[in-house]
Amino acid sequence: MVLQTKKFVDKYLLVILIFMIVGIPIAFVNPATGEIREPPWFGLFYASIAGMIIIILYSSFQERKQRQKDRAKRRSKK
């Protein structure tokens, strides 16, 4: 039995996920001055949260499809 490393997200999706995580504090704090925004940018905050959820769901969907393909290939060899 060969041990396989579990890949959570693709490297491109990981970069986008990092931008989403960085966008959350930017929604509440002005990066130029360091002061808290009045009012905060809720659109950026919710877009970042939604983007993170979409990336996680998409990567888990891709991983499930790959596991199904691997399982079918392994069964067909018998």
N, C-alpha and C. Protein backbone atom coordinates (compact mmCIF):
# COMPACT_ATOMS: atom_id res chain seq x y z
N MET A 1 0.85 -1.17 0.00
CA MET A 1 0.00 0.00 0.00
C MET A 1 0.90 1.24 0.00
N VAL A 2 0.64 2.13 -0.91
CA VAL A 2 1.43 3.35 -1.04
C VAL A 2 0.71 4.47 -0.31
N LEU A 3 1.45 5.16 0.54
CA LEU A 3 0.87 6.30 1.26
C LEU A 3 0.82 7.50 0.32
N GLN A 4 -0.33 8.13 0.27
CA GLN A 4 -0.50 9.29 -0.59
C GLN A 4 -0.66 10.54 0.27
N THR A 5 -0.06 11.61 -0.17
CA THR A 5 -0.23 12.86 0.55
C THR A 5 -1.57 13.45 0.18
N LYS A 6 -2.27 13.95 1.17
CA LYS A 6 -3.57 14.55 0.93
C LYS A 6 -3.38 16.02 0.56
N LYS A 7 -3.86 16.38 -0.60
CA LYS A 7 -3.70 17.74 -1.11
C LYS A 7 -5.00 18.50 -0.86
N PHE A 8 -4.95 19.53 -0.01
CA PHE A 8 -6.17 20.24 0.36
C PHE A 8 -6.67 21.12 -0.77
N VAL A 9 -5.84 22.01 -1.25
CA VAL A 9 -6.22 22.89 -2.36
C VAL A 9 -5.08 22.99 -3.35
N ASP A 10 -5.43 23.28 -4.57
CA ASP A 10 -4.46 23.51 -5.63
C ASP A 10 -3.63 24.75 -5.28
N LYS A 11 -2.42 24.85 -5.81
CA LYS A 11 -1.56 25.99 -5.44
C LYS A 11 -2.15 27.31 -5.91
N TYR A 12 -2.84 27.34 -7.03
CA TYR A 12 -3.46 28.59 -7.49
C TYR A 12 -4.63 28.97 -6.59
N LEU A 13 -5.40 27.98 -6.19
CA LEU A 13 -6.51 28.26 -5.29
C LEU A 13 -6.00 28.69 -3.91
N LEU A 14 -4.85 28.18 -3.52
CA LEU A 14 -4.27 28.57 -2.24
C LEU A 14 -3.87 30.05 -2.26
N VAL A 15 -3.34 30.52 -3.36
CA VAL A 15 -2.97 31.95 -3.47
C VAL A 15 -4.23 32.81 -3.39
N ILE A 16 -5.28 32.42 -4.07
CA ILE A 16 -6.53 33.17 -4.01
C ILE A 16 -7.11 33.13 -2.60
N LEU A 17 -7.01 31.97 -1.94
CA LEU A 17 -7.49 31.84 -0.57
C LEU A 17 -6.74 32.78 0.37
N ILE A 18 -5.45 32.92 0.18
CA ILE A 18 -4.66 33.84 1.01
C ILE A 18 -5.11 35.29 0.78
N PHE A 19 -5.40 35.67 -0.47
CA PHE A 19 -5.90 37.01 -0.73
C PHE A 19 -7.25 37.23 -0.05
N MET A 20 -8.08 36.19 -0.03
CA MET A 20 -9.37 36.31 0.65
C MET A 20 -9.18 36.52 2.15
N ILE A 21 -8.24 35.79 2.73
CA ILE A 21 -7.98 35.93 4.17
C ILE A 21 -7.43 37.31 4.49
N VAL A 22 -6.57 37.85 3.63
CA VAL A 22 -6.01 39.18 3.85
C VAL A 22 -7.08 40.26 3.65
N GLY A 23 -8.07 39.98 2.81
CA GLY A 23 -9.12 40.96 2.55
C GLY A 23 -10.04 41.20 3.73
N ILE A 24 -10.14 40.23 4.63
CA ILE A 24 -11.06 40.39 5.77
C ILE A 24 -10.61 41.53 6.70
N PRO A 25 -9.35 41.58 7.15
CA PRO A 25 -8.98 42.73 8.00
C PRO A 25 -8.99 44.06 7.26
N ILE A 26 -8.73 44.03 5.95
CA ILE A 26 -8.74 45.27 5.17
C ILE A 26 -10.14 45.87 5.14
N ALA A 27 -11.17 45.03 5.26
CA ALA A 27 -12.54 45.52 5.28
C ALA A 27 -12.82 46.37 6.52
N PHE A 28 -12.08 46.12 7.60
CA PHE A 28 -12.34 46.83 8.85
C PHE A 28 -11.28 47.86 9.21
N VAL A 29 -10.06 47.70 8.68
CA VAL A 29 -8.96 48.61 9.02
C VAL A 29 -8.43 49.24 7.74
N ASN A 30 -8.22 50.56 7.77
CA ASN A 30 -7.64 51.26 6.63
C ASN A 30 -6.13 50.97 6.61
N PRO A 31 -5.61 50.32 5.56
CA PRO A 31 -4.20 49.96 5.56
C PRO A 31 -3.25 51.17 5.51
N ALA A 32 -3.70 52.27 4.96
CA ALA A 32 -2.83 53.44 4.83
C ALA A 32 -2.60 54.12 6.18
N THR A 33 -3.65 54.21 6.99
CA THR A 33 -3.53 54.93 8.26
C THR A 33 -3.53 54.01 9.47
N GLY A 34 -4.08 52.83 9.35
CA GLY A 34 -4.17 51.91 10.48
C GLY A 34 -5.37 52.15 11.36
N GLU A 35 -6.23 53.08 10.95
CA GLU A 35 -7.42 53.38 11.74
C GLU A 35 -8.57 52.46 11.34
N ILE A 36 -9.48 52.27 12.26
CA ILE A 36 -10.66 51.45 11.99
C ILE A 36 -11.61 52.26 11.10
N ARG A 37 -12.13 51.60 10.08
CA ARG A 37 -13.03 52.27 9.12
C ARG A 37 -14.39 52.54 9.77
N GLU A 38 -14.95 53.67 9.45
CA GLU A 38 -16.32 54.01 9.84
C GLU A 38 -17.09 54.35 8.59
N PRO A 39 -18.02 53.67 8.11
CA PRO A 39 -18.40 52.29 8.42
C PRO A 39 -17.47 51.30 7.70
N PRO A 40 -17.42 50.07 8.18
CA PRO A 40 -16.56 49.07 7.52
C PRO A 40 -17.11 48.68 6.15
N TRP A 41 -16.25 48.11 5.34
CA TRP A 41 -16.66 47.64 4.02
C TRP A 41 -17.21 46.23 4.16
N PHE A 42 -18.50 46.14 4.40
CA PHE A 42 -19.11 44.83 4.59
C PHE A 42 -19.13 44.02 3.30
N GLY A 43 -19.17 44.69 2.16
CA GLY A 43 -19.15 43.97 0.88
C GLY A 43 -17.87 43.18 0.70
N LEU A 44 -16.73 43.79 1.03
CA LEU A 44 -15.45 43.11 0.94
C LEU A 44 -15.37 41.96 1.94
N PHE A 45 -15.88 42.19 3.14
CA PHE A 45 -15.87 41.15 4.17
C PHE A 45 -16.68 39.93 3.73
N TYR A 46 -17.91 40.16 3.30
CA TYR A 46 -18.77 39.03 2.90
C TYR A 46 -18.28 38.37 1.61
N ALA A 47 -17.71 39.14 0.70
CA ALA A 47 -17.15 38.56 -0.52
C ALA A 47 -15.96 37.66 -0.19
N SER A 48 -15.15 38.07 0.77
CA SER A 48 -14.01 37.24 1.18
C SER A 48 -14.48 35.94 1.83
N ILE A 49 -15.46 36.03 2.69
CA ILE A 49 -15.99 34.83 3.34
C ILE A 49 -16.60 33.90 2.31
N ALA A 50 -17.40 34.45 1.39
CA ALA A 50 -18.03 33.63 0.35
C ALA A 50 -16.99 32.99 -0.56
N GLY A 51 -15.95 33.75 -0.92
CA GLY A 51 -14.89 33.21 -1.76
C GLY A 51 -14.16 32.06 -1.08
N MET A 52 -13.90 32.20 0.22
CA MET A 52 -13.23 31.12 0.95
C MET A 52 -14.10 29.87 0.99
N ILE A 53 -15.38 30.04 1.20
CA ILE A 53 -16.29 28.88 1.23
C ILE A 53 -16.34 28.21 -0.13
N ILE A 54 -16.42 28.99 -1.19
CA ILE A 54 -16.46 28.44 -2.55
C ILE A 54 -15.18 27.67 -2.87
N ILE A 55 -14.03 28.21 -2.50
CA ILE A 55 -12.75 27.53 -2.77
C ILE A 55 -12.67 26.22 -2.01
N ILE A 56 -13.10 26.20 -0.75
CA ILE A 56 -13.05 24.97 0.04
C ILE A 56 -14.00 23.92 -0.54
N LEU A 57 -15.21 24.34 -0.91
CA LEU A 57 -16.17 23.39 -1.49
C LEU A 57 -15.68 22.86 -2.83
N TYR A 58 -15.12 23.73 -3.66
CA TYR A 58 -14.63 23.31 -4.97
C TYR A 58 -13.47 22.33 -4.84
N SER A 59 -12.54 22.61 -3.93
CA SER A 59 -11.40 21.72 -3.77
C SER A 59 -11.83 20.37 -3.21
N SER A 60 -12.82 20.35 -2.31
CA SER A 60 -13.29 19.07 -1.80
C SER A 60 -14.04 18.30 -2.88
N PHE A 61 -14.75 19.01 -3.77
CA PHE A 61 -15.43 18.36 -4.88
C PHE A 61 -14.41 17.74 -5.84
N GLN A 62 -13.33 18.47 -6.15
CA GLN A 62 -12.28 17.94 -7.02
C GLN A 62 -11.62 16.71 -6.39
N GLU A 63 -11.36 16.78 -5.10
CA GLU A 63 -10.71 15.66 -4.42
C GLU A 63 -11.61 14.42 -4.44
N ARG A 64 -12.91 14.61 -4.25
CA ARG A 64 -13.84 13.49 -4.27
C ARG A 64 -13.90 12.85 -5.65
N LYS A 65 -13.91 13.68 -6.70
CA LYS A 65 -13.91 13.14 -8.06
C LYS A 65 -12.63 12.36 -8.34
N GLN A 66 -11.49 12.87 -7.88
CA GLN A 66 -10.22 12.18 -8.09
C GLN A 66 -10.20 10.85 -7.35
N ARG A 67 -10.73 10.81 -6.13
CA ARG A 67 -10.78 9.56 -5.38
C ARG A 67 -11.66 8.53 -6.09
N GLN A 68 -12.79 8.99 -6.67
CA GLN A 68 -13.67 8.08 -7.40
C GLN A 68 -12.96 7.51 -8.62
N LYS A 69 -12.21 8.36 -9.34
CA LYS A 69 -11.45 7.88 -10.51
C LYS A 69 -10.40 6.87 -10.10
N ASP A 70 -9.67 7.17 -9.02
CA ASP A 70 -8.63 6.26 -8.54
C ASP A 70 -9.24 4.93 -8.11
N ARG A 71 -10.36 4.99 -7.44
CA ARG A 71 -11.04 3.77 -6.99
C ARG A 71 -11.50 2.94 -8.17
N ALA A 72 -12.05 3.58 -9.20
CA ALA A 72 -12.52 2.86 -10.38
C ALA A 72 -11.35 2.24 -11.12
N LYS A 73 -10.24 2.96 -11.20
CA LYS A 73 -9.04 2.43 -11.88
C LYS A 73 -8.48 1.23 -11.12
N ARG A 74 -8.48 1.33 -9.78
CA ARG A 74 -7.97 0.25 -8.98
C ARG A 74 -8.85 -1.00 -9.09
N ARG A 75 -10.16 -0.81 -9.18
CA ARG A 75 -11.07 -1.95 -9.30
C ARG A 75 -11.01 -2.58 -10.69
N SER A 76 -10.73 -1.79 -11.69
CA SER A 76 -10.70 -2.34 -13.06
C SER A 76 -9.44 -3.18 -13.31
N LYS A 77 -8.41 -2.99 -12.50
CA LYS A 77 -7.18 -3.75 -12.68
C LYS A 77 -7.32 -5.20 -12.22
N LYS A 78 -8.28 -5.48 -11.35
CA LYS A 78 -8.44 -6.83 -10.82
C LYS A 78 -8.96 -7.81 -11.81
